[in-house]
PDB file of N, CA and C in Angstrom:
ATOM      1  N   MET A   1     -21.149  -4.716  75.386  1.00  0.00           N
ATOM      2  CA  MET A   1     -21.498  -5.560  75.646  1.00  0.00           C
ATOM      3  C   MET A   1     -20.068  -6.138  76.728  1.00  0.00           C
ATOM      4  N   LYS A   2     -20.043  -6.713  78.041  1.00  0.00           N
ATOM      5  CA  LYS A   2     -18.422  -6.738  78.642  1.00  0.00           C
ATOM      6  C   LYS A   2     -18.346  -8.433  78.571  1.00  0.00           C
ATOM      7  N   VAL A   3     -17.232  -8.872  78.137  1.00  0.00           N
ATOM      8  CA  VAL A   3     -16.516 -10.340  78.260  1.00  0.00           C
ATOM      9  C   VAL A   3     -15.749  -9.894  78.708  1.00  0.00           C
ATOM     10  N   ALA A   4     -15.274 -11.492  79.849  1.00  0.00           N
ATOM     11  CA  ALA A   4     -14.279 -11.780  80.705  1.00  0.00           C
ATOM     12  C   ALA A   4     -13.827 -13.032  80.261  1.00  0.00           C
ATOM     13  N   LEU A   5     -12.486 -12.914  80.657  1.00  0.00           N
ATOM     14  CA  LEU A   5     -11.365 -14.101  80.138  1.00  0.00           C
ATOM     15  C   LEU A   5     -10.860 -14.264  81.465  1.00  0.00           C
ATOM     16  N   PRO A   6     -10.102 -15.629  82.056  1.00  0.00           N
ATOM     17  CA  PRO A   6      -9.833 -15.623  83.155  1.00  0.00           C
ATOM     18  C   PRO A   6      -8.027 -15.900  82.633  1.00  0.00           C
ATOM     19  N   VAL A   7      -7.212 -14.996  83.259  1.00  0.00           N
ATOM     20  CA  VAL A   7      -6.062 -15.163  82.425  1.00  0.00           C
ATOM     21  C   VAL A   7      -4.991 -15.688  83.701  1.00  0.00           C
ATOM     22  N   TRP A   8      -4.307 -16.451  83.087  1.00  0.00           N
ATOM     23  CA  TRP A   8      -2.963 -16.967  83.828  1.00  0.00           C
ATOM     24  C   TRP A   8      -1.783 -16.472  82.442  1.00  0.00           C
ATOM     25  N   ASP A   9      -0.813 -15.598  82.866  1.00  0.00           N
ATOM     26  CA  ASP A   9       0.306 -15.422  82.630  1.00  0.00           C
ATOM     27  C   ASP A   9      -0.447 -14.174  81.195  1.00  0.00           C
ATOM     28  N   LYS A  10      -0.170 -14.978  80.274  1.00  0.00           N
ATOM     29  CA  LYS A  10      -0.758 -14.668  78.712  1.00  0.00           C
ATOM     30  C   LYS A  10      -1.680 -15.214  78.088  1.00  0.00           C
ATOM     31  N   ARG A  11      -1.913 -16.569  78.961  1.00  0.00           N
ATOM     32  CA  ARG A  11      -2.943 -17.171  78.202  1.00  0.00           C
ATOM     33  C   ARG A  11      -4.399 -17.168  78.960  1.00  0.00           C
ATOM     34  N   LEU A  12      -5.082 -18.017  78.373  1.00  0.00           N
ATOM     35  CA  LEU A  12      -6.606 -18.343  79.121  1.00  0.00           C
ATOM     36  C   LEU A  12      -6.260 -19.250  80.054  1.00  0.00           C
ATOM     37  N   SER A  13      -6.767 -18.827  81.174  1.00  0.00           N
ATOM     38  CA  SER A  13      -6.476 -19.928  82.598  1.00  0.00           C
ATOM     39  C   SER A  13      -7.008 -21.264  82.057  1.00  0.00           C
ATOM     40  N   PRO A  14      -6.484 -22.325  82.026  1.00  0.00           N
ATOM     41  CA  PRO A  14      -7.010 -23.877  81.943  1.00  0.00           C
ATOM     42  C   PRO A  14      -8.335 -24.135  83.024  1.00  0.00           C
ATOM     43  N   VAL A  15      -8.339 -23.689  84.422  1.00  0.00           N
ATOM     44  CA  VAL A  15      -9.471 -23.847  85.026  1.00  0.00           C
ATOM     45  C   VAL A  15      -9.911 -22.760  85.814  1.00  0.00           C
ATOM     46  N   LEU A  16     -11.592 -22.211  85.887  1.00  0.00           N
ATOM     47  CA  LEU A  16     -11.837 -20.757  85.818  1.00  0.00           C
ATOM     48  C   LEU A  16     -12.037 -21.090  87.052  1.00  0.00           C
ATOM     49  N   ASP A  17     -12.351 -22.002  88.086  1.00  0.00           N
ATOM     50  CA  ASP A  17     -12.049 -22.052  89.445  1.00  0.00           C
ATOM     51  C   ASP A  17     -10.922 -21.704  90.312  1.00  0.00           C
ATOM     52  N   PHE A  18      -9.682 -21.778  89.487  1.00  0.00           N
ATOM     53  CA  PHE A  18      -8.613 -21.648  90.494  1.00  0.00           C
ATOM     54  C   PHE A  18      -8.239 -19.947  89.980  1.00  0.00           C
ATOM     55  N   ALA A  19      -8.482 -19.419  88.970  1.00  0.00           N
ATOM     56  CA  ALA A  19      -7.980 -18.230  88.231  1.00  0.00           C
ATOM     57  C   ALA A  19      -7.715 -17.432  89.172  1.00  0.00           C
ATOM     58  N   HIS A  20      -7.005 -16.044  89.287  1.00  0.00           N
ATOM     59  CA  HIS A  20      -6.392 -15.354  90.094  1.00  0.00           C
ATOM     60  C   HIS A  20      -7.423 -13.749  89.456  1.00  0.00           C
ATOM     61  N   ARG A  21      -7.069 -14.122  88.023  1.00  0.00           N
ATOM     62  CA  ARG A  21      -7.136 -13.039  87.269  1.00  0.00           C
ATOM     63  C   ARG A  21      -7.903 -12.534  86.021  1.00  0.00           C
ATOM     64  N   LEU A  22      -8.980 -11.489  85.983  1.00  0.00           N
ATOM     65  CA  LEU A  22      -9.885 -11.431  84.757  1.00  0.00           C
ATOM     66  C   LEU A  22      -9.557 -10.662  83.577  1.00  0.00           C
ATOM     67  N   LEU A  23      -9.493 -10.741  82.570  1.00  0.00           N
ATOM     68  CA  LEU A  23      -9.644  -9.591  81.399  1.00  0.00           C
ATOM     69  C   LEU A  23     -10.748  -9.115  81.156  1.00  0.00           C
ATOM     70  N   VAL A  24     -10.952  -8.193  81.555  1.00  0.00           N
ATOM     71  CA  VAL A  24     -12.468  -7.231  81.292  1.00  0.00           C
ATOM     72  C   VAL A  24     -12.422  -6.629  80.581  1.00  0.00           C
ATOM     73  N   ALA A  25     -13.390  -7.097  79.076  1.00  0.00           N
ATOM     74  CA  ALA A  25     -13.244  -6.037  77.727  1.00  0.00           C
ATOM     75  C   ALA A  25     -14.733  -5.694  77.661  1.00  0.00           C
ATOM     76  N   LYS A  26     -14.771  -4.653  77.155  1.00  0.00           N
ATOM     77  CA  LYS A  26     -16.049  -3.558  77.142  1.00  0.00           C
ATOM     78  C   LYS A  26     -15.759  -3.528  75.483  1.00  0.00           C
ATOM     79  N   ILE A  27     -17.193  -4.054  75.036  1.00  0.00           N
ATOM     80  CA  ILE A  27     -16.983  -4.490  73.536  1.00  0.00           C
ATOM     81  C   ILE A  27     -18.591  -3.802  72.492  1.00  0.00           C
ATOM     82  N   GLN A  28     -18.121  -3.138  71.873  1.00  0.00           N
ATOM     83  CA  GLN A  28     -18.812  -1.996  71.148  1.00  0.00           C
ATOM     84  C   GLN A  28     -18.664  -2.413  69.688  1.00  0.00           C
ATOM     85  N   ASN A  29     -19.406  -2.479  69.202  1.00  0.00           N
ATOM     86  CA  ASN A  29     -19.120  -2.843  67.192  1.00  0.00           C
ATOM     87  C   ASN A  29     -18.297  -2.979  67.173  1.00  0.00           C
ATOM     88  N   ARG A  30     -18.051  -4.368  67.558  1.00  0.00           N
ATOM     89  CA  ARG A  30     -17.213  -5.804  67.320  1.00  0.00           C
ATOM     90  C   ARG A  30     -15.386  -4.787  67.847  1.00  0.00           C
ATOM     91  N   ALA A  31     -15.458  -4.395  68.380  1.00  0.00           N
ATOM     92  CA  ALA A  31     -14.283  -3.544  68.661  1.00  0.00           C
ATOM     93  C   ALA A  31     -13.823  -3.148  70.138  1.00  0.00           C
ATOM     94  N   VAL A  32     -13.101  -3.499  70.854  1.00  0.00           N
ATOM     95  CA  VAL A  32     -12.988  -3.251  72.424  1.00  0.00           C
ATOM     96  C   VAL A  32     -12.394  -1.544  72.283  1.00  0.00           C
ATOM     97  N   MET A  33     -13.468  -1.347  73.069  1.00  0.00           N
ATOM     98  CA  MET A  33     -13.727  -0.069  73.630  1.00  0.00           C
ATOM     99  C   MET A  33     -12.633   0.395  74.575  1.00  0.00           C
ATOM    100  N   GLN A  34     -12.696  -0.485  75.961  1.00  0.00           N
ATOM    101  CA  GLN A  34     -11.996  -0.315  77.004  1.00  0.00           C
ATOM    102  C   GLN A  34     -11.800  -1.774  77.583  1.00  0.00           C
ATOM    103  N   ARG A  35     -10.579  -1.694  78.290  1.00  0.00           N
ATOM    104  CA  ARG A  35     -10.274  -3.152  78.518  1.00  0.00           C
ATOM    105  C   ARG A  35      -9.665  -2.906  80.509  1.00  0.00           C
ATOM    106  N   TRP A  36      -9.549  -4.026  80.740  1.00  0.00           N
ATOM    107  CA  TRP A  36      -9.284  -4.143  82.385  1.00  0.00           C
ATOM    108  C   TRP A  36      -8.646  -5.243  82.565  1.00  0.00           C
ATOM    109  N   TYR A  37      -7.706  -5.387  83.555  1.00  0.00           N
ATOM    110  CA  TYR A  37      -7.522  -6.955  84.599  1.00  0.00           C
ATOM    111  C   TYR A  37      -8.381  -6.565  86.129  1.00  0.00           C
ATOM    112  N   HIS A  38      -9.729  -7.166  86.412  1.00  0.00           N
ATOM    113  CA  HIS A  38      -9.501  -7.281  87.441  1.00  0.00           C
ATOM    114  C   HIS A  38      -9.226  -8.754  88.454  1.00  0.00           C
ATOM    115  N   PRO A  39      -8.673  -8.723  89.540  1.00  0.00           N
ATOM    116  CA  PRO A  39      -8.889  -9.671  90.648  1.00  0.00           C
ATOM    117  C   PRO A  39      -9.698 -10.206  90.773  1.00  0.00           C
ATOM    118  N   ILE A  40      -9.635 -11.870  90.675  1.00  0.00           N
ATOM    119  CA  ILE A  40     -10.522 -12.682  91.150  1.00  0.00           C
ATOM    120  C   ILE A  40     -10.495 -13.480  92.643  1.00  0.00           C
ATOM    121  N   ASN A  41     -11.068 -13.889  93.836  1.00  0.00           N
ATOM    122  CA  ASN A  41     -10.468 -14.791  94.881  1.00  0.00           C
ATOM    123  C   ASN A  41     -11.126 -16.594  94.385  1.00  0.00           C
ATOM    124  N   PRO A  42     -10.828 -17.088  94.231  1.00  0.00           N
ATOM    125  CA  PRO A  42     -10.761 -18.674  93.860  1.00  0.00           C
ATOM    126  C   PRO A  42     -11.197 -19.275  95.562  1.00  0.00           C
ATOM    127  N   GLN A  43     -10.972 -18.911  96.607  1.00  0.00           N
ATOM    128  CA  GLN A  43     -11.044 -18.910  97.463  1.00  0.00           C
ATOM    129  C   GLN A  43     -12.832 -18.836  98.198  1.00  0.00           C
ATOM    130  N   LEU A  44     -13.143 -17.889  97.144  1.00  0.00           N
ATOM    131  CA  LEU A  44     -14.932 -17.621  97.166  1.00  0.00           C
ATOM    132  C   LEU A  44     -15.634 -18.147  97.455  1.00  0.00           C
ATOM    133  N   SER A  45     -16.905 -18.593  97.793  1.00  0.00           N
ATOM    134  CA  SER A  45     -18.179 -19.708  97.252  1.00  0.00           C
ATOM    135  C   SER A  45     -18.528 -18.811  95.907  1.00  0.00           C
ATOM    136  N   ILE A  46     -19.197 -19.981  95.252  1.00  0.00           N
ATOM    137  CA  ILE A  46     -19.554 -19.933  93.709  1.00  0.00           C
ATOM    138  C   ILE A  46     -20.106 -18.879  93.851  1.00  0.00           C
ATOM    139  N   PHE A  47     -20.919 -18.926  95.102  1.00  0.00           N
ATOM    140  CA  PHE A  47     -21.511 -17.579  94.505  1.00  0.00           C
ATOM    141  C   PHE A  47     -21.030 -16.084  94.917  1.00  0.00           C
ATOM    142  N   SER A  48     -20.431 -16.071  95.843  1.00  0.00           N
ATOM    143  CA  SER A  48     -19.424 -14.835  95.043  1.00  0.00           C
ATOM    144  C   SER A  48     -19.215 -15.203  94.107  1.00  0.00           C
ATOM    145  N   GLN A  49     -18.485 -15.668  93.521  1.00  0.00           N
ATOM    146  CA  GLN A  49     -17.688 -15.858  92.449  1.00  0.00           C
ATOM    147  C   GLN A  49     -18.221 -15.108  91.644  1.00  0.00           C
ATOM    148  N   ALA A  50     -19.965 -15.843  91.160  1.00  0.00           N
ATOM    149  CA  ALA A  50     -20.318 -15.480  90.404  1.00  0.00           C
ATOM    150  C   ALA A  50     -21.289 -13.880  90.717  1.00  0.00           C
ATOM    151  N   ALA A  51     -20.986 -13.850  91.560  1.00  0.00           N
ATOM    152  CA  ALA A  51     -21.703 -12.417  92.216  1.00  0.00           C
ATOM    153  C   ALA A  51     -20.379 -11.598  91.565  1.00  0.00           C
ATOM    154  N   VAL A  52     -19.724 -11.883  91.685  1.00  0.00           N
ATOM    155  CA  VAL A  52     -18.655 -10.782  91.523  1.00  0.00           C
ATOM    156  C   VAL A  52     -18.479 -10.528  89.638  1.00  0.00           C
ATOM    157  N   LEU A  53     -18.919 -11.185  89.113  1.00  0.00           N
ATOM    158  CA  LEU A  53     -18.677 -11.296  87.536  1.00  0.00           C
ATOM    159  C   LEU A  53     -20.132 -10.555  87.257  1.00  0.00           C
ATOM    160  N   SER A  54     -21.185 -10.893  87.626  1.00  0.00           N
ATOM    161  CA  SER A  54     -22.316 -10.042  87.284  1.00  0.00           C
ATOM    162  C   SER A  54     -22.426  -8.666  87.977  1.00  0.00           C
ATOM    163  N   HIS A  55     -21.955  -8.352  88.819  1.00  0.00           N
ATOM    164  CA  HIS A  55     -21.691  -7.253  89.578  1.00  0.00           C
ATOM    165  C   HIS A  55     -20.979  -6.210  88.815  1.00  0.00           C
ATOM    166  N   LEU A  56     -19.674  -7.027  87.942  1.00  0.00           N
ATOM    167  CA  LEU A  56     -18.942  -6.571  86.701  1.00  0.00           C
ATOM    168  C   LEU A  56     -19.623  -6.148  85.367  1.00  0.00           C
ATOM    169  N   GLY A  57     -20.854  -6.440  85.356  1.00  0.00           N
ATOM    170  CA  GLY A  57     -21.764  -6.118  84.461  1.00  0.00           C
ATOM    171  C   GLY A  57     -21.211  -7.561  82.728  1.00  0.00           C
ATOM    172  N   ILE A  58     -20.766  -8.433  83.496  1.00  0.00           N
ATOM    173  CA  ILE A  58     -20.394  -9.349  82.411  1.00  0.00           C
ATOM    174  C   ILE A  58     -21.394  -9.842  81.673  1.00  0.00           C
ATOM    175  N   GLU A  59     -21.145 -10.127  80.334  1.00  0.00           N
ATOM    176  CA  GLU A  59     -21.967 -10.906  79.755  1.00  0.00           C
ATOM    177  C   GLU A  59     -21.896 -11.682  79.314  1.00  0.00           C
ATOM    178  N   VAL A  60     -20.328 -12.059  78.632  1.00  0.00           N
ATOM    179  CA  VAL A  60     -20.088 -13.296  78.165  1.00  0.00           C
ATOM    180  C   VAL A  60     -18.620 -13.939  78.705  1.00  0.00           C
ATOM    181  N   LEU A  61     -18.769 -14.850  78.720  1.00  0.00           N
ATOM    182  CA  LEU A  61     -17.343 -15.456  80.046  1.00  0.00           C
ATOM    183  C   LEU A  61     -17.011 -16.405  79.080  1.00  0.00           C
ATOM    184  N   ILE A  62     -15.660 -16.048  78.488  1.00  0.00           N
ATOM    185  CA  ILE A  62     -14.581 -17.561  77.663  1.00  0.00           C
ATOM    186  C   ILE A  62     -13.746 -17.570  78.382  1.00  0.00           C
ATOM    187  N   CYS A  63     -13.976 -19.016  79.076  1.00  0.00           N
ATOM    188  CA  CYS A  63     -12.907 -19.962  79.495  1.00  0.00           C
ATOM    189  C   CYS A  63     -12.205 -21.449  78.784  1.00  0.00           C
ATOM    190  N   GLY A  64     -11.279 -21.770  79.725  1.00  0.00           N
ATOM    191  CA  GLY A  64     -11.181 -23.279  79.493  1.00  0.00           C
ATOM    192  C   GLY A  64     -11.789 -23.626  80.264  1.00  0.00           C
ATOM    193  N   SER A  65     -11.998 -24.609  81.041  1.00  0.00           N
ATOM    194  CA  SER A  65     -12.855 -25.590  81.660  1.00  0.00           C
ATOM    195  C   SER A  65     -12.977 -24.829  82.810  1.00  0.00           C
ATOM    196  N   LEU A  66     -14.043 -25.050  83.969  1.00  0.00           N
ATOM    197  CA  LEU A  66     -14.888 -25.083  84.709  1.00  0.00           C
ATOM    198  C   LEU A  66     -15.575 -25.626  85.657  1.00  0.00           C
ATOM    199  N   SER A  67     -15.980 -26.281  86.999  1.00  0.00           N
ATOM    200  CA  SER A  67     -17.103 -27.194  87.401  1.00  0.00           C
ATOM    201  C   SER A  67     -18.257 -27.008  86.783  1.00  0.00           C
ATOM    202  N   SER A  68     -18.889 -28.138  87.065  1.00  0.00           N
ATOM    203  CA  SER A  68     -20.665 -27.670  86.651  1.00  0.00           C
ATOM    204  C   SER A  68     -20.953 -26.934  87.582  1.00  0.00           C
ATOM    205  N   ASP A  69     -20.583 -27.297  89.095  1.00  0.00           N
ATOM    206  CA  ASP A  69     -21.672 -25.859  90.128  1.00  0.00           C
ATOM    207  C   ASP A  69     -21.460 -24.603  89.361  1.00  0.00           C
ATOM    208  N   LEU A  70     -19.838 -24.304  89.332  1.00  0.00           N
ATOM    209  CA  LEU A  70     -19.893 -22.900  89.275  1.00  0.00           C
ATOM    210  C   LEU A  70     -20.167 -21.774  87.922  1.00  0.00           C
ATOM    211  N   SER A  71     -20.551 -23.598  86.448  1.00  0.00           N
ATOM    212  CA  SER A  71     -21.204 -23.108  85.404  1.00  0.00           C
ATOM    213  C   SER A  71     -22.380 -22.615  85.646  1.00  0.00           C
ATOM    214  N   ASP A  72     -23.231 -23.321  86.514  1.00  0.00           N
ATOM    215  CA  ASP A  72     -24.443 -23.488  87.050  1.00  0.00           C
ATOM    216  C   ASP A  72     -24.549 -22.242  87.329  1.00  0.00           C
ATOM    217  N   MET A  73     -23.865 -21.863  88.581  1.00  0.00           N
ATOM    218  CA  MET A  73     -24.191 -20.566  89.345  1.00  0.00           C
ATOM    219  C   MET A  73     -23.973 -19.777  88.088  1.00  0.00           C
ATOM    220  N   ILE A  74     -22.553 -19.465  87.682  1.00  0.00           N
ATOM    221  CA  ILE A  74     -22.869 -18.002  86.520  1.00  0.00           C
ATOM    222  C   ILE A  74     -23.535 -17.957  85.960  1.00  0.00           C
ATOM    223  N   GLN A  75     -24.668 -19.308  85.057  1.00  0.00           N
ATOM    224  CA  GLN A  75     -25.449 -19.176  84.512  1.00  0.00           C
ATOM    225  C   GLN A  75     -26.652 -18.719  85.139  1.00  0.00           C
ATOM    226  N   SER A  76     -26.705 -19.015  86.083  1.00  0.00           N
ATOM    227  CA  SER A  76     -28.115 -18.400  86.995  1.00  0.00           C
ATOM    228  C   SER A  76     -28.300 -17.029  86.968  1.00  0.00           C
ATOM    229  N   PHE A  77     -26.997 -16.282  86.664  1.00  0.00           N
ATOM    230  CA  PHE A  77     -26.878 -14.659  86.570  1.00  0.00           C
ATOM    231  C   PHE A  77     -27.135 -14.233  85.367  1.00  0.00           C
ATOM    232  N   GLY A  78     -27.538 -15.530  84.301  1.00  0.00           N
ATOM    233  CA  GLY A  78     -27.178 -14.625  83.228  1.00  0.00           C
ATOM    234  C   GLY A  78     -26.072 -14.535  82.226  1.00  0.00           C
ATOM    235  N   ILE A  79     -25.329 -14.496  82.832  1.00  0.00           N
ATOM    236  CA  ILE A  79     -24.130 -15.040  82.152  1.00  0.00           C
ATOM    237  C   ILE A  79     -23.867 -16.004  80.734  1.00  0.00           C
ATOM    238  N   GLN A  80     -23.925 -15.701  80.238  1.00  0.00           N
ATOM    239  CA  GLN A  80     -23.571 -17.129  79.237  1.00  0.00           C
ATOM    240  C   GLN A  80     -21.880 -17.287  79.031  1.00  0.00           C
ATOM    241  N   ILE A  81     -21.850 -18.488  79.383  1.00  0.00           N
ATOM    242  CA  ILE A  81     -20.384 -19.416  79.068  1.00  0.00           C
ATOM    243  C   ILE A  81     -20.072 -19.879  77.515  1.00  0.00           C
ATOM    244  N   ILE A  82     -18.850 -19.314  76.924  1.00  0.00           N
ATOM    245  CA  ILE A  82     -18.025 -20.127  75.964  1.00  0.00           C
ATOM    246  C   ILE A  82     -16.956 -20.993  77.022  1.00  0.00           C
ATOM    247  N   PRO A  83     -17.233 -22.128  77.176  1.00  0.00           N
ATOM    248  CA  PRO A  83     -16.002 -22.995  77.732  1.00  0.00           C
ATOM    249  C   PRO A  83     -15.389 -23.614  76.735  1.00  0.00           C
ATOM    250  N   GLY A  84     -14.412 -24.045  77.287  1.00  0.00           N
ATOM    251  CA  GLY A  84     -13.481 -25.638  76.212  1.00  0.00           C
ATOM    252  C   GLY A  84     -12.378 -24.885  75.638  1.00  0.00           C
ATOM    253  N   LEU A  85     -11.983 -23.829  75.436  1.00  0.00           N
ATOM    254  CA  LEU A  85     -10.845 -22.785  75.114  1.00  0.00           C
ATOM    255  C   LEU A  85      -9.741 -22.569  75.467  1.00  0.00           C
ATOM    256  N   THR A  86      -8.587 -23.010  74.463  1.00  0.00           N
ATOM    257  CA  THR A  86      -7.062 -22.354  74.842  1.00  0.00           C
ATOM    258  C   THR A  86      -6.583 -21.796  74.158  1.00  0.00           C
ATOM    259  N   GLY A  87      -5.381 -20.998  74.357  1.00  0.00           N
ATOM    260  CA  GLY A  87      -4.566 -20.322  73.585  1.00  0.00           C
ATOM    261  C   GLY A  87      -4.002 -18.731  74.256  1.00  0.00           C
ATOM    262  N   ASP A  88      -3.731 -17.931  73.272  1.00  0.00           N
ATOM    263  CA  ASP A  88      -3.531 -16.635  74.137  1.00  0.00           C
ATOM    264  C   ASP A  88      -4.756 -16.199  73.946  1.00  0.00           C
ATOM    265  N   VAL A  89      -4.616 -15.011  74.917  1.00  0.00           N
ATOM    266  CA  VAL A  89      -5.727 -14.669  75.494  1.00  0.00           C
ATOM    267  C   VAL A  89      -6.374 -13.383  74.198  1.00  0.00           C
ATOM    268  N   GLU A  90      -5.072 -12.627  73.788  1.00  0.00           N
ATOM    269  CA  GLU A  90      -5.239 -12.095  72.918  1.00  0.00           C
ATOM    270  C   GLU A  90      -6.269 -12.521  71.616  1.00  0.00           C
ATOM    271  N   GLU A  91      -5.266 -13.532  71.364  1.00  0.00           N
ATOM    272  CA  GLU A  91      -6.074 -14.118  70.464  1.00  0.00           C
ATOM    273  C   GLU A  91      -7.068 -15.054  70.594  1.00  0.00           C
ATOM    274  N   ILE A  92      -7.599 -15.150  71.676  1.00  0.00           N
ATOM    275  CA  ILE A  92      -8.675 -15.250  71.787  1.00  0.00           C
ATOM    276  C   ILE A  92      -9.870 -14.337  71.849  1.00  0.00           C
ATOM    277  N   LEU A  93      -9.788 -13.568  71.895  1.00  0.00           N
ATOM    278  CA  LEU A  93     -10.531 -11.752  72.340  1.00  0.00           C
ATOM    279  C   LEU A  93     -10.843 -11.427  70.986  1.00  0.00           C
ATOM    280  N   HIS A  94      -9.521 -11.866  70.246  1.00  0.00           N
ATOM    281  CA  HIS A  94      -9.358 -11.039  68.998  1.00  0.00           C
ATOM    282  C   HIS A  94     -10.913 -11.781  67.921  1.00  0.00           C
ATOM    283  N   ALA A  95     -10.519 -13.560  68.194  1.00  0.00           N
ATOM    284  CA  ALA A  95     -11.363 -14.417  67.700  1.00  0.00           C
ATOM    285  C   ALA A  95     -12.366 -14.699  68.296  1.00  0.00           C
ATOM    286  N   PHE A  96     -12.860 -14.072  69.320  1.00  0.00           N
ATOM    287  CA  PHE A  96     -14.435 -14.063  69.818  1.00  0.00           C
ATOM    288  C   PHE A  96     -14.263 -12.308  68.844  1.00  0.00           C
ATOM    289  N   LEU A  97     -13.910 -11.402  68.203  1.00  0.00           N
ATOM    290  CA  LEU A  97     -14.875 -10.171  68.090  1.00  0.00           C
ATOM    291  C   LEU A  97     -14.871 -10.455  66.715  1.00  0.00           C
ATOM    292  N   ASN A  98     -14.249 -11.500  65.854  1.00  0.00           N
ATOM    293  CA  ASN A  98     -14.106 -11.652  64.854  1.00  0.00           C
ATOM    294  C   ASN A  98     -15.143 -13.195  64.139  1.00  0.00           C
ATOM    295  N   ASN A  99     -15.819 -13.540  65.141  1.00  0.00           N
ATOM    296  CA  ASN A  99     -16.448 -14.761  65.243  1.00  0.00           C
ATOM    297  C   ASN A  99     -15.838 -16.050  64.363  1.00  0.00           C
ATOM    298  N   ARG A 100     -13.951 -16.187  65.547  1.00  0.00           N
ATOM    299  CA  ARG A 100     -13.704 -17.726  65.062  1.00  0.00           C
ATOM    300  C   ARG A 100     -13.381 -18.166  65.774  1.00  0.00           C
ATOM    301  N   LEU A 101     -13.779 -18.036  67.239  1.00  0.00           N
ATOM    302  CA  LEU A 101     -13.626 -18.928  68.185  1.00  0.00           C
ATOM    303  C   LEU A 101     -14.140 -20.491  67.919  1.00  0.00           C
ATOM    304  N   ALA A 102     -14.498 -20.894  66.934  1.00  0.00           N
ATOM    305  CA  ALA A 102     -14.662 -22.195  66.612  1.00  0.00           C
ATOM    306  C   ALA A 102     -13.462 -23.143  66.140  1.00  0.00           C
ATOM    307  N   GLU A 103     -12.404 -22.123  65.555  1.00  0.00           N
ATOM    308  CA  GLU A 103     -11.231 -22.602  65.341  1.00  0.00           C
ATOM    309  C   GLU A 103     -10.848 -23.853  65.604  1.00  0.00           C
ATOM    310  N   PRO A 104     -10.292 -24.395  65.279  1.00  0.00           N
ATOM    311  CA  PRO A 104      -9.864 -25.845  66.242  1.00  0.00           C
ATOM    312  C   PRO A 104      -8.601 -25.665  67.042  1.00  0.00           C
ATOM    313  N   ARG A 105      -7.623 -24.689  67.026  1.00  0.00           N
ATOM    314  CA  ARG A 105      -6.398 -24.104  67.239  1.00  0.00           C
ATOM    315  C   ARG A 105      -6.783 -23.974  68.475  1.00  0.00           C
ATOM    316  N   PHE A 106      -8.237 -23.254  68.731  1.00  0.00           N
ATOM    317  CA  PHE A 106      -8.494 -22.866  70.420  1.00  0.00           C
ATOM    318  C   PHE A 106      -9.464 -23.848  70.999  1.00  0.00           C
ATOM    319  N   ARG A 107      -9.436 -25.238  70.544  1.00  0.00           N
ATOM    320  CA  ARG A 107      -9.642 -26.319  71.419  1.00  0.00           C
ATOM    321  C   ARG A 107      -9.431 -26.449  72.207  1.00  0.00           C
ATOM    322  N   LEU A 108      -9.759 -26.556  73.783  1.00  0.00           N
ATOM    323  CA  LEU A 108      -9.149 -27.270  74.485  1.00  0.00           C
ATOM    324  C   LEU A 108      -9.117 -28.734  74.622  1.00  0.00           C
ATOM    325  N   PRO A 109      -7.966 -29.196  74.360  1.00  0.00           N
ATOM    326  CA  PRO A 109      -7.726 -30.408  74.263  1.00  0.00           C
ATOM    327  C   PRO A 109      -8.692 -31.568  75.518  1.00  0.00           C
ATOM    328  N   GLY A 110      -9.666 -32.322  74.577  1.00  0.00           N
ATOM    329  CA  GLY A 110     -10.381 -33.023  75.559  1.00  0.00           C
ATOM    330  C   GLY A 110     -11.710 -32.758  75.460  1.00  0.00           C
ATOM    331  N   ALA A 111     -12.330 -31.270  75.156  1.00  0.00           N
ATOM    332  CA  ALA A 111     -13.358 -30.391  75.581  1.00  0.00           C
ATOM    333  C   ALA A 111     -14.082 -30.826  74.034  1.00  0.00           C
ATOM    334  N   ASN A 112     -15.499 -30.849  74.078  1.00  0.00           N
ATOM    335  CA  ASN A 112     -16.302 -31.095  73.510  1.00  0.00           C
ATOM    336  C   ASN A 112     -16.832 -30.113  72.203  1.00  0.00           C
ATOM    337  N   ALA A 113     -16.417 -29.798  71.476  1.00  0.00           N
ATOM    338  CA  ALA A 113     -16.507 -28.677  70.310  1.00  0.00           C
ATOM    339  C   ALA A 113     -17.848 -28.236  70.305  1.00  0.00           C
ATOM    340  N   GLY A 114     -18.698 -29.113  70.523  1.00  0.00           N
ATOM    341  CA  GLY A 114     -20.298 -28.909  70.171  1.00  0.00           C
ATOM    342  C   GLY A 114     -21.210 -28.388  71.966  1.00  0.00           C
ATOM    343  N   SER A 115     -20.181 -28.025  72.679  1.00  0.00           N
ATOM    344  CA  SER A 115     -21.070 -27.685  74.116  1.00  0.00           C
ATOM    345  C   SER A 115     -21.300 -26.558  74.654  1.00  0.00           C
ATOM    346  N   ARG A 116     -22.375 -25.985  74.827  1.00  0.00           N
ATOM    347  CA  ARG A 116     -22.232 -24.687  75.157  1.00  0.00           C
ATOM    348  C   ARG A 116     -21.772 -23.883  74.757  1.00  0.00           C
ATOM    349  N   ARG A 117     -21.410 -23.780  73.178  1.00  0.00           N
ATOM    350  CA  ARG A 117     -21.443 -22.341  72.738  1.00  0.00           C
ATOM    351  C   ARG A 117     -21.843 -21.283  72.350  1.00  0.00           C
ATOM    352  N   PHE A 118     -21.227 -20.547  72.585  1.00  0.00           N
ATOM    353  CA  PHE A 118     -22.152 -19.135  72.645  1.00  0.00           C
ATOM    354  C   PHE A 118     -22.669 -18.886  71.464  1.00  0.00           C
ATOM    355  N   GLN A 119     -23.991 -18.856  71.282  1.00  0.00           N
ATOM    356  CA  GLN A 119     -24.462 -18.107  70.194  1.00  0.00           C
ATOM    357  C   GLN A 119     -25.083 -16.936  69.621  1.00  0.00           C
TER     358      GLN A 119
END
């Protein structure tokens, strides 16, 4: 499975629509097997942004907030979205691996805790 997290400095980018870099992690047996940063261009159309994720083979996108249009387009490519999160990107990736993203410390202020959670 490949997971992507938009990064700003060392934290999860607060708004995917304006992010410039993704941390991509290839995960197997709840461990990161490979990881790299991939540039993204927020000036691209929402179709192109979603197509980049699809081309990278992303199955799960972990993010803070994103526009509903971008969310719908990403989901139309079959990519699951875990929105409404904030914090250090390494801690969030570790929490994902250990099924702990529901912890309150990762919740973006104002985000609905139950909306569109990864199943």
